[in-house]
Amino acid sequence: MVKMIRNAISFLFQGPATRKYPYEKSEVPEGFRGPPTWDIERCTGCGICARVCPVDAIEVERTDEKIVVTYHLDRCTFCSQCEESCPRDVIRMSKEFELADFDREKMTTEYVQDRTD
């Protein structure tokens, strides 16, 4: 009992255990997987990322003129299957975690590679 009281008293003199988020940014832990990003200039438009995505969060459209990768944040589970399966290391999981928004249009990102050059 004495040990428990001593332990409780020691916590009274320590600082708070929580952070003052959003005023103080939290550190992202090692191995954190945020939404994927594409280095679209290196993309060949093979579509493997779209095929392995379990929730159809990725669409790839390839024509002679351009490659369009459409990413739907509101569908993504951040499983990193796309990153692991990309043969050219085009996809990287970001460290971004502040993703909430009221506008659903902002949940879709298009990456476009112009191939007419």
PDB file of N, CA and C in Angstrom:
ATOM      1  N   MET A   1       0.819  -1.192   0.000  1.00  0.00           N
ATOM      2  CA  MET A   1       0.000   0.000   0.000  1.00  0.00           C
ATOM      3  C   MET A   1       0.865   1.258   0.000  1.00  0.00           C
ATOM      4  N   VAL A   2       1.932   1.244   0.761  1.00  0.00           N
ATOM      5  CA  VAL A   2       2.841   2.388   0.835  1.00  0.00           C
ATOM      6  C   VAL A   2       3.497   2.625  -0.525  1.00  0.00           C
ATOM      7  N   LYS A   3       3.858   1.526  -1.177  1.00  0.00           N
ATOM      8  CA  LYS A   3       4.493   1.628  -2.492  1.00  0.00           C
ATOM      9  C   LYS A   3       3.528   2.274  -3.494  1.00  0.00           C
ATOM     10  N   MET A   4       2.277   1.896  -3.441  1.00  0.00           N
ATOM     11  CA  MET A   4       1.269   2.454  -4.346  1.00  0.00           C
ATOM     12  C   MET A   4       1.075   3.954  -4.087  1.00  0.00           C
ATOM     13  N   ILE A   5       1.036   4.363  -2.828  1.00  0.00           N
ATOM     14  CA  ILE A   5       0.861   5.783  -2.490  1.00  0.00           C
ATOM     15  C   ILE A   5       2.085   6.580  -2.942  1.00  0.00           C
ATOM     16  N   ARG A   6       3.266   6.028  -2.726  1.00  0.00           N
ATOM     17  CA  ARG A   6       4.497   6.685  -3.154  1.00  0.00           C
ATOM     18  C   ARG A   6       4.495   6.861  -4.678  1.00  0.00           C
ATOM     19  N   ASN A   7       4.065   5.845  -5.382  1.00  0.00           N
ATOM     20  CA  ASN A   7       3.987   5.902  -6.840  1.00  0.00           C
ATOM     21  C   ASN A   7       2.976   6.969  -7.286  1.00  0.00           C
ATOM     22  N   ALA A   8       1.825   7.018  -6.641  1.00  0.00           N
ATOM     23  CA  ALA A   8       0.799   8.006  -6.991  1.00  0.00           C
ATOM     24  C   ALA A   8       1.293   9.424  -6.740  1.00  0.00           C
ATOM     25  N   ILE A   9       1.985   9.639  -5.649  1.00  0.00           N
ATOM     26  CA  ILE A   9       2.511  10.963  -5.327  1.00  0.00           C
ATOM     27  C   ILE A   9       3.565  11.388  -6.346  1.00  0.00           C
ATOM     28  N   SER A  10       4.385  10.454  -6.818  1.00  0.00           N
ATOM     29  CA  SER A  10       5.413  10.798  -7.813  1.00  0.00           C
ATOM     30  C   SER A  10       4.780  11.302  -9.115  1.00  0.00           C
ATOM     31  N   PHE A  11       3.614  10.787  -9.464  1.00  0.00           N
ATOM     32  CA  PHE A  11       2.933  11.245 -10.679  1.00  0.00           C
ATOM     33  C   PHE A  11       2.393  12.666 -10.534  1.00  0.00           C
ATOM     34  N   LEU A  12       2.148  13.114  -9.328  1.00  0.00           N
ATOM     35  CA  LEU A  12       1.657  14.477  -9.098  1.00  0.00           C
ATOM     36  C   LEU A  12       2.678  15.531  -9.512  1.00  0.00           C
ATOM     37  N   PHE A  13       3.964  15.187  -9.455  1.00  0.00           N
ATOM     38  CA  PHE A  13       5.024  16.152  -9.737  1.00  0.00           C
ATOM     39  C   PHE A  13       5.602  16.009 -11.143  1.00  0.00           C
ATOM     40  N   GLN A  14       5.053  15.103 -11.944  1.00  0.00           N
ATOM     41  CA  GLN A  14       5.471  14.965 -13.329  1.00  0.00           C
ATOM     42  C   GLN A  14       4.597  15.853 -14.199  1.00  0.00           C
ATOM     43  N   GLY A  15       5.075  16.161 -15.379  1.00  0.00           N
ATOM     44  CA  GLY A  15       4.304  16.958 -16.321  1.00  0.00           C
ATOM     45  C   GLY A  15       3.133  16.158 -16.873  1.00  0.00           C
ATOM     46  N   PRO A  16       2.292  16.801 -17.639  1.00  0.00           N
ATOM     47  CA  PRO A  16       1.139  16.089 -18.211  1.00  0.00           C
ATOM     48  C   PRO A  16       1.580  15.003 -19.188  1.00  0.00           C
ATOM     49  N   ALA A  17       0.799  13.959 -19.262  1.00  0.00           N
ATOM     50  CA  ALA A  17       1.109  12.831 -20.143  1.00  0.00           C
ATOM     51  C   ALA A  17       0.591  13.066 -21.558  1.00  0.00           C
ATOM     52  N   THR A  18      -0.273  14.038 -21.728  1.00  0.00           N
ATOM     53  CA  THR A  18      -0.859  14.306 -23.044  1.00  0.00           C
ATOM     54  C   THR A  18      -0.179  15.498 -23.700  1.00  0.00           C
ATOM     55  N   ARG A  19      -0.360  15.614 -25.019  1.00  0.00           N
ATOM     56  CA  ARG A  19       0.178  16.748 -25.775  1.00  0.00           C
ATOM     57  C   ARG A  19      -0.920  17.770 -25.999  1.00  0.00           C
ATOM     58  N   LYS A  20      -0.541  18.985 -26.281  1.00  0.00           N
ATOM     59  CA  LYS A  20      -1.503  20.048 -26.537  1.00  0.00           C
ATOM     60  C   LYS A  20      -1.808  20.120 -28.033  1.00  0.00           C
ATOM     61  N   TYR A  21      -2.223  18.990 -28.583  1.00  0.00           N
ATOM     62  CA  TYR A  21      -2.574  18.924 -29.999  1.00  0.00           C
ATOM     63  C   TYR A  21      -3.864  19.713 -30.217  1.00  0.00           C
ATOM     64  N   PRO A  22      -3.998  20.495 -31.247  1.00  0.00           N
ATOM     65  CA  PRO A  22      -3.165  20.667 -32.437  1.00  0.00           C
ATOM     66  C   PRO A  22      -2.131  21.777 -32.318  1.00  0.00           C
ATOM     67  N   TYR A  23      -1.984  22.379 -31.150  1.00  0.00           N
ATOM     68  CA  TYR A  23      -1.027  23.471 -30.989  1.00  0.00           C
ATOM     69  C   TYR A  23       0.408  22.974 -30.968  1.00  0.00           C
ATOM     70  N   GLU A  24       0.611  21.793 -30.477  1.00  0.00           N
ATOM     71  CA  GLU A  24       1.911  21.134 -30.536  1.00  0.00           C
ATOM     72  C   GLU A  24       1.747  19.898 -31.409  1.00  0.00           C
ATOM     73  N   LYS A  25       2.485  19.849 -32.487  1.00  0.00           N
ATOM     74  CA  LYS A  25       2.371  18.721 -33.410  1.00  0.00           C
ATOM     75  C   LYS A  25       2.919  17.442 -32.787  1.00  0.00           C
ATOM     76  N   SER A  26       2.216  16.362 -33.017  1.00  0.00           N
ATOM     77  CA  SER A  26       2.655  15.052 -32.541  1.00  0.00           C
ATOM     78  C   SER A  26       3.721  14.498 -33.471  1.00  0.00           C
ATOM     79  N   GLU A  27       4.616  13.725 -32.907  1.00  0.00           N
ATOM     80  CA  GLU A  27       5.626  13.051 -33.712  1.00  0.00           C
ATOM     81  C   GLU A  27       4.995  11.807 -34.325  1.00  0.00           C
ATOM     82  N   VAL A  28       5.363  11.535 -35.553  1.00  0.00           N
ATOM     83  CA  VAL A  28       4.844  10.356 -36.239  1.00  0.00           C
ATOM     84  C   VAL A  28       5.732   9.167 -35.868  1.00  0.00           C
ATOM     85  N   PRO A  29       5.146   8.084 -35.369  1.00  0.00           N
ATOM     86  CA  PRO A  29       5.964   6.940 -34.964  1.00  0.00           C
ATOM     87  C   PRO A  29       6.605   6.236 -36.160  1.00  0.00           C
ATOM     88  N   GLU A  30       7.696   5.561 -35.895  1.00  0.00           N
ATOM     89  CA  GLU A  30       8.396   4.792 -36.925  1.00  0.00           C
ATOM     90  C   GLU A  30       7.458   3.733 -37.487  1.00  0.00           C
ATOM     91  N   GLY A  31       7.427   3.585 -38.793  1.00  0.00           N
ATOM     92  CA  GLY A  31       6.577   2.595 -39.433  1.00  0.00           C
ATOM     93  C   GLY A  31       5.163   3.075 -39.704  1.00  0.00           C
ATOM     94  N   PHE A  32       4.868   4.332 -39.392  1.00  0.00           N
ATOM     95  CA  PHE A  32       3.530   4.879 -39.639  1.00  0.00           C
ATOM     96  C   PHE A  32       3.261   4.918 -41.135  1.00  0.00           C
ATOM     97  N   ARG A  33       2.035   4.565 -41.530  1.00  0.00           N
ATOM     98  CA  ARG A  33       1.653   4.571 -42.942  1.00  0.00           C
ATOM     99  C   ARG A  33       0.510   5.556 -43.141  1.00  0.00           C
ATOM    100  N   GLY A  34       0.822   6.666 -43.771  1.00  0.00           N
ATOM    101  CA  GLY A  34      -0.200   7.623 -44.152  1.00  0.00           C
ATOM    102  C   GLY A  34      -0.634   7.322 -45.579  1.00  0.00           C
ATOM    103  N   PRO A  35      -1.320   8.257 -46.226  1.00  0.00           N
ATOM    104  CA  PRO A  35      -1.770   8.013 -47.596  1.00  0.00           C
ATOM    105  C   PRO A  35      -0.602   7.918 -48.580  1.00  0.00           C
ATOM    106  N   PRO A  36      -0.768   7.121 -49.625  1.00  0.00           N
ATOM    107  CA  PRO A  36       0.308   6.988 -50.606  1.00  0.00           C
ATOM    108  C   PRO A  36       0.436   8.229 -51.481  1.00  0.00           C
ATOM    109  N   THR A  37       1.663   8.453 -51.966  1.00  0.00           N
ATOM    110  CA  THR A  37       1.929   9.507 -52.946  1.00  0.00           C
ATOM    111  C   THR A  37       2.661   8.869 -54.119  1.00  0.00           C
ATOM    112  N   TRP A  38       2.492   9.457 -55.288  1.00  0.00           N
ATOM    113  CA  TRP A  38       3.083   8.921 -56.506  1.00  0.00           C
ATOM    114  C   TRP A  38       4.134   9.857 -57.056  1.00  0.00           C
ATOM    115  N   ASP A  39       5.245   9.306 -57.513  1.00  0.00           N
ATOM    116  CA  ASP A  39       6.226  10.034 -58.314  1.00  0.00           C
ATOM    117  C   ASP A  39       5.806   9.767 -59.766  1.00  0.00           C
ATOM    118  N   ILE A  40       4.819  10.519 -60.210  1.00  0.00           N
ATOM    119  CA  ILE A  40       4.113  10.208 -61.460  1.00  0.00           C
ATOM    120  C   ILE A  40       5.025  10.210 -62.680  1.00  0.00           C
ATOM    121  N   GLU A  41       6.098  10.944 -62.654  1.00  0.00           N
ATOM    122  CA  GLU A  41       7.005  10.976 -63.811  1.00  0.00           C
ATOM    123  C   GLU A  41       7.713   9.638 -64.015  1.00  0.00           C
ATOM    124  N   ARG A  42       7.815   8.834 -62.993  1.00  0.00           N
ATOM    125  CA  ARG A  42       8.442   7.514 -63.103  1.00  0.00           C
ATOM    126  C   ARG A  42       7.433   6.407 -63.382  1.00  0.00           C
ATOM    127  N   CYS A  43       6.146   6.721 -63.295  1.00  0.00           N
ATOM    128  CA  CYS A  43       5.093   5.719 -63.451  1.00  0.00           C
ATOM    129  C   CYS A  43       4.963   5.280 -64.914  1.00  0.00           C
ATOM    130  N   THR A  44       4.785   3.966 -65.119  1.00  0.00           N
ATOM    131  CA  THR A  44       4.591   3.427 -66.469  1.00  0.00           C
ATOM    132  C   THR A  44       3.122   3.162 -66.765  1.00  0.00           C
ATOM    133  N   GLY A  45       2.274   3.321 -65.747  1.00  0.00           N
ATOM    134  CA  GLY A  45       0.851   3.077 -65.943  1.00  0.00           C
ATOM    135  C   GLY A  45       0.500   1.608 -66.039  1.00  0.00           C
ATOM    136  N   CYS A  46       1.294   0.744 -65.430  1.00  0.00           N
ATOM    137  CA  CYS A  46       1.064  -0.702 -65.529  1.00  0.00           C
ATOM    138  C   CYS A  46      -0.235  -1.130 -64.841  1.00  0.00           C
ATOM    139  N   GLY A  47      -0.656  -0.380 -63.821  1.00  0.00           N
ATOM    140  CA  GLY A  47      -1.921  -0.671 -63.153  1.00  0.00           C
ATOM    141  C   GLY A  47      -1.867  -1.743 -62.084  1.00  0.00           C
ATOM    142  N   ILE A  48      -0.666  -2.204 -61.740  1.00  0.00           N
ATOM    143  CA  ILE A  48      -0.555  -3.222 -60.690  1.00  0.00           C
ATOM    144  C   ILE A  48      -1.097  -2.690 -59.372  1.00  0.00           C
ATOM    145  N   CYS A  49      -0.807  -1.431 -59.069  1.00  0.00           N
ATOM    146  CA  CYS A  49      -1.277  -0.844 -57.808  1.00  0.00           C
ATOM    147  C   CYS A  49      -2.803  -0.876 -57.722  1.00  0.00           C
ATOM    148  N   ALA A  50      -3.469  -0.601 -58.819  1.00  0.00           N
ATOM    149  CA  ALA A  50      -4.937  -0.622 -58.830  1.00  0.00           C
ATOM    150  C   ALA A  50      -5.470  -2.044 -58.674  1.00  0.00           C
ATOM    151  N   ARG A  51      -4.788  -3.011 -59.270  1.00  0.00           N
ATOM    152  CA  ARG A  51      -5.242  -4.401 -59.185  1.00  0.00           C
ATOM    153  C   ARG A  51      -5.083  -4.987 -57.788  1.00  0.00           C
ATOM    154  N   VAL A  52      -4.021  -4.596 -57.067  1.00  0.00           N
ATOM    155  CA  VAL A  52      -3.794  -5.184 -55.745  1.00  0.00           C
ATOM    156  C   VAL A  52      -4.522  -4.439 -54.630  1.00  0.00           C
ATOM    157  N   CYS A  53      -5.062  -3.270 -54.921  1.00  0.00           N
ATOM    158  CA  CYS A  53      -5.749  -2.493 -53.885  1.00  0.00           C
ATOM    159  C   CYS A  53      -7.036  -3.206 -53.480  1.00  0.00           C
ATOM    160  N   PRO A  54      -7.152  -3.606 -52.206  1.00  0.00           N
ATOM    161  CA  PRO A  54      -8.319  -4.381 -51.779  1.00  0.00           C
ATOM    162  C   PRO A  54      -9.622  -3.587 -51.718  1.00  0.00           C
ATOM    163  N   VAL A  55      -9.539  -2.258 -51.749  1.00  0.00           N
ATOM    164  CA  VAL A  55     -10.748  -1.436 -51.620  1.00  0.00           C
ATOM    165  C   VAL A  55     -10.988  -0.551 -52.845  1.00  0.00           C
ATOM    166  N   ASP A  56     -10.297  -0.810 -53.941  1.00  0.00           N
ATOM    167  CA  ASP A  56     -10.437  -0.045 -55.188  1.00  0.00           C
ATOM    168  C   ASP A  56     -10.258   1.453 -54.980  1.00  0.00           C
ATOM    169  N   ALA A  57      -9.238   1.821 -54.205  1.00  0.00           N
ATOM    170  CA  ALA A  57      -8.958   3.237 -53.954  1.00  0.00           C
ATOM    171  C   ALA A  57      -8.108   3.857 -55.060  1.00  0.00           C
ATOM    172  N   ILE A  58      -7.621   3.034 -55.997  1.00  0.00           N
ATOM    173  CA  ILE A  58      -6.726   3.511 -57.050  1.00  0.00           C
ATOM    174  C   ILE A  58      -7.298   3.135 -58.410  1.00  0.00           C
ATOM    175  N   GLU A  59      -7.282   4.109 -59.329  1.00  0.00           N
ATOM    176  CA  GLU A  59      -7.672   3.867 -60.714  1.00  0.00           C
ATOM    177  C   GLU A  59      -6.534   4.347 -61.598  1.00  0.00           C
ATOM    178  N   VAL A  60      -6.187   3.556 -62.603  1.00  0.00           N
ATOM    179  CA  VAL A  60      -5.122   3.931 -63.533  1.00  0.00           C
ATOM    180  C   VAL A  60      -5.694   3.930 -64.934  1.00  0.00           C
ATOM    181  N   GLU A  61      -5.523   5.057 -65.619  1.00  0.00           N
ATOM    182  CA  GLU A  61      -5.959   5.180 -67.010  1.00  0.00           C
ATOM    183  C   GLU A  61      -4.724   5.525 -67.831  1.00  0.00           C
ATOM    184  N   ARG A  62      -4.424   4.672 -68.801  1.00  0.00           N
ATOM    185  CA  ARG A  62      -3.228   4.866 -69.626  1.00  0.00           C
ATOM    186  C   ARG A  62      -3.632   4.995 -71.082  1.00  0.00           C
ATOM    187  N   THR A  63      -3.211   6.081 -71.707  1.00  0.00           N
ATOM    188  CA  THR A  63      -3.417   6.288 -73.139  1.00  0.00           C
ATOM    189  C   THR A  63      -2.066   6.637 -73.751  1.00  0.00           C
ATOM    190  N   ASP A  64      -2.059   6.838 -75.073  1.00  0.00           N
ATOM    191  CA  ASP A  64      -0.814   7.236 -75.733  1.00  0.00           C
ATOM    192  C   ASP A  64      -0.363   8.624 -75.289  1.00  0.00           C
ATOM    193  N   GLU A  65      -1.323   9.478 -74.921  1.00  0.00           N
ATOM    194  CA  GLU A  65      -1.001  10.864 -74.572  1.00  0.00           C
ATOM    195  C   GLU A  65      -0.664  11.073 -73.098  1.00  0.00           C
ATOM    196  N   LYS A  66      -1.262  10.271 -72.210  1.00  0.00           N
ATOM    197  CA  LYS A  66      -1.041  10.526 -70.789  1.00  0.00           C
ATOM    198  C   LYS A  66      -1.351   9.300 -69.933  1.00  0.00           C
ATOM    199  N   ILE A  67      -0.859   9.371 -68.710  1.00  0.00           N
ATOM    200  CA  ILE A  67      -1.183   8.394 -67.666  1.00  0.00           C
ATOM    201  C   ILE A  67      -1.863   9.180 -66.560  1.00  0.00           C
ATOM    202  N   VAL A  68      -3.031   8.717 -66.150  1.00  0.00           N
ATOM    203  CA  VAL A  68      -3.759   9.364 -65.062  1.00  0.00           C
ATOM    204  C   VAL A  68      -3.975   8.339 -63.954  1.00  0.00           C
ATOM    205  N   VAL A  69      -3.450   8.645 -62.770  1.00  0.00           N
ATOM    206  CA  VAL A  69      -3.663   7.817 -61.586  1.00  0.00           C
ATOM    207  C   VAL A  69      -4.598   8.603 -60.672  1.00  0.00           C
ATOM    208  N   THR A  70      -5.748   8.020 -60.373  1.00  0.00           N
ATOM    209  CA  THR A  70      -6.720   8.657 -59.486  1.00  0.00           C
ATOM    210  C   THR A  70      -6.718   7.899 -58.167  1.00  0.00           C
ATOM    211  N   TYR A  71      -6.494   8.649 -57.094  1.00  0.00           N
ATOM    212  CA  TYR A  71      -6.423   8.064 -55.750  1.00  0.00           C
ATOM    213  C   TYR A  71      -7.581   8.601 -54.915  1.00  0.00           C
ATOM    214  N   HIS A  72      -8.339   7.683 -54.295  1.00  0.00           N
ATOM    215  CA  HIS A  72      -9.493   8.040 -53.458  1.00  0.00           C
ATOM    216  C   HIS A  72      -9.128   7.831 -51.986  1.00  0.00           C
ATOM    217  N   LEU A  73      -8.814   8.912 -51.307  1.00  0.00           N
ATOM    218  CA  LEU A  73      -8.426   8.856 -49.900  1.00  0.00           C
ATOM    219  C   LEU A  73      -9.530   8.284 -49.021  1.00  0.00           C
ATOM    220  N   ASP A  74     -10.773   8.597 -49.357  1.00  0.00           N
ATOM    221  CA  ASP A  74     -11.894   8.149 -48.520  1.00  0.00           C
ATOM    222  C   ASP A  74     -12.134   6.643 -48.595  1.00  0.00           C
ATOM    223  N   ARG A  75     -11.501   5.956 -49.512  1.00  0.00           N
ATOM    224  CA  ARG A  75     -11.624   4.498 -49.609  1.00  0.00           C
ATOM    225  C   ARG A  75     -10.412   3.762 -49.026  1.00  0.00           C
ATOM    226  N   CYS A  76      -9.297   4.445 -48.961  1.00  0.00           N
ATOM    227  CA  CYS A  76      -8.010   3.816 -48.629  1.00  0.00           C
ATOM    228  C   CYS A  76      -7.946   3.369 -47.171  1.00  0.00           C
ATOM    229  N   THR A  77      -7.345   2.187 -46.956  1.00  0.00           N
ATOM    230  CA  THR A  77      -7.124   1.667 -45.602  1.00  0.00           C
ATOM    231  C   THR A  77      -5.648   1.757 -45.199  1.00  0.00           C
ATOM    232  N   PHE A  78      -4.809   2.357 -46.048  1.00  0.00           N
ATOM    233  CA  PHE A  78      -3.377   2.558 -45.781  1.00  0.00           C
ATOM    234  C   PHE A  78      -2.650   1.237 -45.539  1.00  0.00           C
ATOM    235  N   CYS A  79      -3.038   0.213 -46.279  1.00  0.00           N
ATOM    236  CA  CYS A  79      -2.455  -1.121 -46.105  1.00  0.00           C
ATOM    237  C   CYS A  79      -1.068  -1.245 -46.742  1.00  0.00           C
ATOM    238  N   SER A  80      -0.719  -0.345 -47.633  1.00  0.00           N
ATOM    239  CA  SER A  80       0.563  -0.267 -48.361  1.00  0.00           C
ATOM    240  C   SER A  80       0.772  -1.384 -49.386  1.00  0.00           C
ATOM    241  N   GLN A  81      -0.293  -2.076 -49.764  1.00  0.00           N
ATOM    242  CA  GLN A  81      -0.169  -3.088 -50.820  1.00  0.00           C
ATOM    243  C   GLN A  81       0.321  -2.445 -52.122  1.00  0.00           C
ATOM    244  N   CYS A  82      -0.159  -1.238 -52.419  1.00  0.00           N
ATOM    245  CA  CYS A  82       0.244  -0.547 -53.644  1.00  0.00           C
ATOM    246  C   CYS A  82       1.742  -0.263 -53.638  1.00  0.00           C
ATOM    247  N   GLU A  83       2.250   0.223 -52.526  1.00  0.00           N
ATOM    248  CA  GLU A  83       3.678   0.543 -52.414  1.00  0.00           C
ATOM    249  C   GLU A  83       4.530  -0.712 -52.561  1.00  0.00           C
ATOM    250  N   GLU A  84       4.122  -1.776 -51.907  1.00  0.00           N
ATOM    251  CA  GLU A  84       4.900  -3.013 -51.937  1.00  0.00           C
ATOM    252  C   GLU A  84       4.882  -3.687 -53.300  1.00  0.00           C
ATOM    253  N   SER A  85       3.808  -3.498 -54.063  1.00  0.00           N
ATOM    254  CA  SER A  85       3.698  -4.200 -55.338  1.00  0.00           C
ATOM    255  C   SER A  85       4.212  -3.398 -56.530  1.00  0.00           C
ATOM    256  N   CYS A  86       4.485  -2.127 -56.359  1.00  0.00           N
ATOM    257  CA  CYS A  86       4.933  -1.296 -57.480  1.00  0.00           C
ATOM    258  C   CYS A  86       6.339  -1.714 -57.922  1.00  0.00           C
ATOM    259  N   PRO A  87       6.499  -2.150 -59.174  1.00  0.00           N
ATOM    260  CA  PRO A  87       7.804  -2.638 -59.628  1.00  0.00           C
ATOM    261  C   PRO A  87       8.838  -1.529 -59.818  1.00  0.00           C
ATOM    262  N   ARG A  88       8.403  -0.276 -59.886  1.00  0.00           N
ATOM    263  CA  ARG A  88       9.338   0.833 -60.120  1.00  0.00           C
ATOM    264  C   ARG A  88       9.523   1.742 -58.910  1.00  0.00           C
ATOM    265  N   ASP A  89       9.009   1.370 -57.760  1.00  0.00           N
ATOM    266  CA  ASP A  89       9.099   2.180 -56.540  1.00  0.00           C
ATOM    267  C   ASP A  89       8.592   3.604 -56.758  1.00  0.00           C
ATOM    268  N   VAL A  90       7.465   3.703 -57.432  1.00  0.00           N
ATOM    269  CA  VAL A  90       6.848   4.989 -57.723  1.00  0.00           C
ATOM    270  C   VAL A  90       6.027   5.482 -56.530  1.00  0.00           C
ATOM    271  N   ILE A  91       5.514   4.552 -55.740  1.00  0.00           N
ATOM    272  CA  ILE A  91       4.581   4.877 -54.659  1.00  0.00           C
ATOM    273  C   ILE A  91       5.302   4.843 -53.313  1.00  0.00           C
ATOM    274  N   ARG A  92       5.058   5.862 -52.518  1.00  0.00           N
ATOM    275  CA  ARG A  92       5.593   5.941 -51.158  1.00  0.00           C
ATOM    276  C   ARG A  92       4.459   6.283 -50.204  1.00  0.00           C
ATOM    277  N   MET A  93       4.418   5.623 -49.075  1.00  0.00           N
ATOM    278  CA  MET A  93       3.440   5.960 -48.047  1.00  0.00           C
ATOM    279  C   MET A  93       3.943   7.198 -47.317  1.00  0.00           C
ATOM    280  N   SER A  94       3.092   8.211 -47.232  1.00  0.00           N
ATOM    281  CA  SER A  94       3.488   9.467 -46.598  1.00  0.00           C
ATOM    282  C   SER A  94       3.354   9.365 -45.076  1.00  0.00           C
ATOM    283  N   LYS A  95       3.766  10.397 -44.398  1.00  0.00           N
ATOM    284  CA  LYS A  95       3.658  10.479 -42.931  1.00  0.00           C
ATOM    285  C   LYS A  95       2.500  11.394 -42.530  1.00  0.00           C
ATOM    286  N   GLU A  96       1.687  11.794 -43.481  1.00  0.00           N
ATOM    287  CA  GLU A  96       0.585  12.715 -43.212  1.00  0.00           C
ATOM    288  C   GLU A  96      -0.510  12.008 -42.413  1.00  0.00           C
ATOM    289  N   PHE A  97      -1.030  12.690 -41.393  1.00  0.00           N
ATOM    290  CA  PHE A  97      -2.091  12.084 -40.586  1.00  0.00           C
ATOM    291  C   PHE A  97      -3.266  13.019 -40.336  1.00  0.00           C
ATOM    292  N   GLU A  98      -3.159  14.263 -40.680  1.00  0.00           N
ATOM    293  CA  GLU A  98      -4.276  15.203 -40.510  1.00  0.00           C
ATOM    294  C   GLU A  98      -5.076  15.206 -41.806  1.00  0.00           C
ATOM    295  N   LEU A  99      -6.023  14.291 -41.919  1.00  0.00           N
ATOM    296  CA  LEU A  99      -6.690  14.035 -43.192  1.00  0.00           C
ATOM    297  C   LEU A  99      -8.166  14.399 -43.208  1.00  0.00           C
ATOM    298  N   ALA A 100      -8.739  14.761 -42.100  1.00  0.00           N
ATOM    299  CA  ALA A 100     -10.179  15.031 -42.036  1.00  0.00           C
ATOM    300  C   ALA A 100     -10.543  16.271 -42.854  1.00  0.00           C
ATOM    301  N   ASP A 101     -11.698  16.218 -43.512  1.00  0.00           N
ATOM    302  CA  ASP A 101     -12.188  17.346 -44.294  1.00  0.00           C
ATOM    303  C   ASP A 101     -13.687  17.191 -44.493  1.00  0.00           C
ATOM    304  N   PHE A 102     -14.374  18.309 -44.644  1.00  0.00           N
ATOM    305  CA  PHE A 102     -15.808  18.287 -44.890  1.00  0.00           C
ATOM    306  C   PHE A 102     -16.130  18.140 -46.367  1.00  0.00           C
ATOM    307  N   ASP A 103     -15.187  18.491 -47.236  1.00  0.00           N
ATOM    308  CA  ASP A 103     -15.401  18.482 -48.678  1.00  0.00           C
ATOM    309  C   ASP A 103     -14.920  17.155 -49.265  1.00  0.00           C
ATOM    310  N   ARG A 104     -15.850  16.340 -49.724  1.00  0.00           N
ATOM    311  CA  ARG A 104     -15.496  15.021 -50.258  1.00  0.00           C
ATOM    312  C   ARG A 104     -14.659  15.119 -51.538  1.00  0.00           C
ATOM    313  N   GLU A 105     -14.785  16.217 -52.270  1.00  0.00           N
ATOM    314  CA  GLU A 105     -13.990  16.411 -53.480  1.00  0.00           C
ATOM    315  C   GLU A 105     -12.492  16.448 -53.171  1.00  0.00           C
ATOM    316  N   LYS A 106     -12.134  16.913 -51.985  1.00  0.00           N
ATOM    317  CA  LYS A 106     -10.728  16.974 -51.599  1.00  0.00           C
ATOM    318  C   LYS A 106     -10.168  15.597 -51.255  1.00  0.00           C
ATOM    319  N   MET A 107     -11.016  14.597 -51.210  1.00  0.00           N
ATOM    320  CA  MET A 107     -10.584  13.241 -50.889  1.00  0.00           C
ATOM    321  C   MET A 107     -10.086  12.480 -52.115  1.00  0.00           C
ATOM    322  N   THR A 108     -10.151  13.110 -53.279  1.00  0.00           N
ATOM    323  CA  THR A 108      -9.697  12.482 -54.520  1.00  0.00           C
ATOM    324  C   THR A 108      -8.541  13.286 -55.096  1.00  0.00           C
ATOM    325  N   THR A 109      -7.458  12.594 -55.427  1.00  0.00           N
ATOM    326  CA  THR A 109      -6.276  13.234 -56.005  1.00  0.00           C
ATOM    327  C   THR A 109      -5.982  12.589 -57.348  1.00  0.00           C
ATOM    328  N   GLU A 110      -5.699  13.417 -58.345  1.00  0.00           N
ATOM    329  CA  GLU A 110      -5.298  12.916 -59.663  1.00  0.00           C
ATOM    330  C   GLU A 110      -3.843  13.256 -59.903  1.00  0.00           C
ATOM    331  N   TYR A 111      -3.091  12.243 -60.291  1.00  0.00           N
ATOM    332  CA  TYR A 111      -1.703  12.424 -60.705  1.00  0.00           C
ATOM    333  C   TYR A 111      -1.690  12.208 -62.213  1.00  0.00           C
ATOM    334  N   VAL A 112      -1.180  13.183 -62.961  1.00  0.00           N
ATOM    335  CA  VAL A 112      -1.215  13.114 -64.422  1.00  0.00           C
ATOM    336  C   VAL A 112       0.203  13.227 -64.969  1.00  0.00           C
ATOM    337  N   GLN A 113       0.546  12.282 -65.840  1.00  0.00           N
ATOM    338  CA  GLN A 113       1.818  12.323 -66.560  1.00  0.00           C
ATOM    339  C   GLN A 113       1.515  12.559 -68.032  1.00  0.00           C
ATOM    340  N   ASP A 114       1.984  13.677 -68.540  1.00  0.00           N
ATOM    341  CA  ASP A 114       1.781  14.000 -69.957  1.00  0.00           C
ATOM    342  C   ASP A 114       2.859  13.280 -70.766  1.00  0.00           C
ATOM    343  N   ARG A 115       2.434  12.454 -71.712  1.00  0.00           N
ATOM    344  CA  ARG A 115       3.384  11.655 -72.495  1.00  0.00           C
ATOM    345  C   ARG A 115       3.543  12.162 -73.912  1.00  0.00           C
ATOM    346  N   THR A 116       3.109  13.386 -74.192  1.00  0.00           N
ATOM    347  CA  THR A 116       3.192  13.912 -75.558  1.00  0.00           C
ATOM    348  C   THR A 116       4.566  14.476 -75.881  1.00  0.00           C
ATOM    349  N   ASP A 117       5.418  14.649 -74.874  1.00  0.00           N
ATOM    350  CA  ASP A 117       6.764  15.217 -75.122  1.00  0.00           C
ATOM    351  C   ASP A 117       7.654  14.240 -75.832  1.00  0.00           C
TER     352      ASP A 117
END
